[in-house]
Amino acid sequence: MTMKPIQINDPAEIEAFLGKIALTGKGFTSDCLLLEVFEAGLDYPDYLKAEGEEDPDASYDGKSPAWAKYHIRQGKRVFMVYGEPGKDRRTHFSETP
């Protein structure tokens, strides 16, 4: 089942949202997605979109399922997390010139 997409453009709201996302299962995992975003070099993300299928291995604020895909941007830097039930979750980082 597809989750209702969420789009946030306020850095403080993005940080609060990402702090409540935990990812378990196969591939990329995290107890707190916000820390992974900071490690990728996005210290003040200004755009977030969470969308996709329900991911039973993802949780928001302790409740599962959560979104399968996350797109986080700060200026020209983009950090993405892709998940699908039954497949390994992966990440992608890019920086446009």
Protein backbone atom coordinates (compact mmCIF):
# COMPACT_ATOMS: atom_id res chain seq x y z
CA MET A 1 0.00 0.00 0.00
CA THR A 2 1.29 3.47 -0.86
CA MET A 3 1.91 5.89 1.98
CA LYS A 4 0.64 9.48 1.72
CA PRO A 5 3.65 11.56 0.57
CA ILE A 6 4.98 14.24 2.90
CA GLN A 7 6.93 17.28 1.78
CA ILE A 8 8.61 19.65 4.26
CA ASN A 9 10.55 22.83 3.46
CA ASP A 10 11.34 24.07 6.98
CA PRO A 11 14.79 22.99 8.26
CA ALA A 12 13.66 22.72 11.91
CA GLU A 13 10.65 20.58 10.95
CA ILE A 14 12.86 18.41 8.71
CA GLU A 15 15.30 17.78 11.56
CA ALA A 16 12.46 16.90 13.94
CA PHE A 17 10.93 14.53 11.34
CA LEU A 18 14.22 12.77 10.48
CA GLY A 19 15.01 12.36 14.18
CA LYS A 20 11.95 10.10 14.46
CA ILE A 21 12.77 7.83 11.48
CA ALA A 22 14.37 4.45 12.23
CA LEU A 23 15.26 1.93 9.52
CA THR A 24 15.88 -1.78 10.13
CA GLY A 25 15.95 -4.84 7.87
CA LYS A 26 18.29 -5.49 4.92
CA GLY A 27 20.79 -3.08 3.45
CA PHE A 28 21.09 0.44 4.84
CA THR A 29 19.81 0.74 8.43
CA SER A 30 19.74 3.54 10.98
CA ASP A 31 18.45 4.13 14.50
CA CYS A 32 18.02 7.81 13.59
CA LEU A 33 18.00 8.97 9.97
CA LEU A 34 18.90 12.52 11.01
CA LEU A 35 22.39 11.38 12.08
CA GLU A 36 22.97 9.77 8.65
CA VAL A 37 21.90 12.98 6.92
CA PHE A 38 24.35 14.98 9.05
CA GLU A 39 27.12 12.45 8.26
CA ALA A 40 26.41 12.88 4.54
CA GLY A 41 27.23 16.58 4.98
CA LEU A 42 23.73 18.04 5.08
CA ASP A 43 23.88 20.04 8.30
CA TYR A 44 20.88 22.28 7.49
CA PRO A 45 18.57 20.38 5.10
CA ASP A 46 15.96 22.64 3.48
CA TYR A 47 13.82 20.11 1.57
CA LEU A 48 12.46 16.69 2.45
CA LYS A 49 10.09 14.37 0.66
CA ALA A 50 9.02 11.04 2.15
CA GLU A 51 7.01 8.81 -0.18
CA GLY A 52 6.51 5.36 -1.64
CA GLU A 53 5.20 2.07 -0.42
CA GLU A 54 4.72 1.12 3.21
CA ASP A 55 8.01 -0.24 4.54
CA PRO A 56 7.43 -2.61 7.48
CA ASP A 57 11.13 -2.27 8.42
CA ALA A 58 10.85 1.52 8.72
CA SER A 59 9.25 3.34 11.63
CA TYR A 60 8.25 6.90 12.45
CA ASP A 61 8.11 7.90 16.11
CA GLY A 62 8.21 4.22 17.11
CA LYS A 63 5.31 3.21 14.84
CA SER A 64 5.66 0.97 11.79
CA PRO A 65 5.24 0.98 8.83
CA ALA A 66 6.76 4.21 7.55
CA TRP A 67 7.73 5.46 4.11
CA ALA A 68 10.06 3.49 1.85
CA LYS A 69 11.74 6.47 0.12
CA TYR A 70 13.32 9.65 1.50
CA HIS A 71 14.72 12.53 -0.55
CA ILE A 72 16.62 15.12 1.50
CA ARG A 73 18.24 18.20 -0.01
CA GLN A 74 20.40 21.09 1.13
CA GLY A 75 21.28 23.47 -1.68
CA LYS A 76 23.03 21.36 -4.32
CA ARG A 77 23.56 18.32 -2.08
CA VAL A 78 21.02 15.50 -2.21
CA PHE A 79 20.83 12.42 0.04
CA MET A 80 18.33 9.73 -0.90
CA VAL A 81 17.24 6.53 0.78
CA TYR A 82 15.42 3.91 -1.29
CA GLY A 83 13.62 0.98 0.27
CA GLU A 84 11.13 -1.60 -0.96
CA PRO A 85 9.59 -4.46 0.97
CA GLY A 86 11.65 -7.59 0.33
CA LYS A 87 14.66 -5.77 -1.14
CA ASP A 88 17.84 -4.30 0.33
CA ARG A 89 17.52 -0.63 1.26
CA ARG A 90 20.16 1.60 -0.33
CA THR A 91 21.30 5.21 -0.28
CA HIS A 92 22.55 7.64 -2.88
CA PHE A 93 24.36 10.94 -2.41
CA SER A 94 24.96 13.49 -5.15
CA GLU A 95 26.12 17.06 -5.43
CA THR A 96 25.24 19.06 -8.50
CA PRO A 97 27.81 21.52 -9.79
